Amino acid sequence: MHEIVPFTGQSTGLVREILPVAEIVRTLLSEAERALDSAIGLKA
């Protein structure tokens, strides 16, 4: 664990907004579905 701790603060600058977890999960699933559909040629 001590190898990970120094890097935890470096990603905080990437946070642009605070969202409810339900919205984050919906977005994640939607993006994954689009990527998978695109990978198998269903959608552009």
Protein backbone atom coordinates (compact mmCIF):
# COMPACT_ATOMS: atom_id res chain seq x y z
CA MET A 1 0.00 0.00 0.00
CA HIS A 2 2.85 2.43 0.72
CA GLU A 3 3.74 2.39 -3.01
CA ILE A 4 0.28 3.73 -3.95
CA VAL A 5 -0.14 6.49 -1.35
CA PRO A 6 2.30 9.00 -2.93
CA PHE A 7 0.28 8.97 -6.17
CA THR A 8 -3.16 9.55 -4.68
CA GLY A 9 -2.90 13.34 -4.65
CA GLN A 10 -1.67 13.57 -8.24
CA SER A 11 -5.05 12.59 -9.68
CA THR A 12 -7.08 15.14 -7.72
CA GLY A 13 -6.36 17.76 -10.37
CA LEU A 14 -8.30 15.65 -12.86
CA VAL A 15 -11.58 16.08 -10.93
CA ARG A 16 -13.77 18.57 -12.80
CA GLU A 17 -17.14 18.04 -11.12
CA ILE A 18 -18.78 16.21 -8.23
CA LEU A 19 -21.59 13.90 -9.36
CA PRO A 20 -23.88 11.41 -7.64
CA VAL A 21 -22.58 7.86 -7.95
CA ALA A 22 -25.73 6.76 -9.81
CA GLU A 23 -24.99 9.28 -12.56
CA ILE A 24 -21.35 8.18 -12.76
CA VAL A 25 -22.40 4.52 -13.11
CA ARG A 26 -25.02 5.37 -15.78
CA THR A 27 -22.44 7.32 -17.77
CA LEU A 28 -19.84 4.58 -17.40
CA LEU A 29 -22.27 1.91 -18.60
CA SER A 30 -23.49 4.04 -21.49
CA GLU A 31 -19.94 4.75 -22.66
CA ALA A 32 -19.01 1.08 -22.33
CA GLU A 33 -22.05 0.03 -24.38
CA ARG A 34 -21.19 2.54 -27.11
CA ALA A 35 -17.57 1.37 -27.20
CA LEU A 36 -18.55 -2.28 -27.38
CA ASP A 37 -21.19 -1.63 -30.05
CA SER A 38 -18.64 0.33 -32.05
CA ALA A 39 -16.04 -2.42 -31.65
CA ILE A 40 -18.39 -5.02 -33.14
CA GLY A 41 -19.71 -2.66 -35.81
CA LEU A 42 -23.24 -2.01 -34.52
CA LYS A 43 -22.93 1.76 -34.13
CA ALA A 44 -20.50 4.41 -35.29
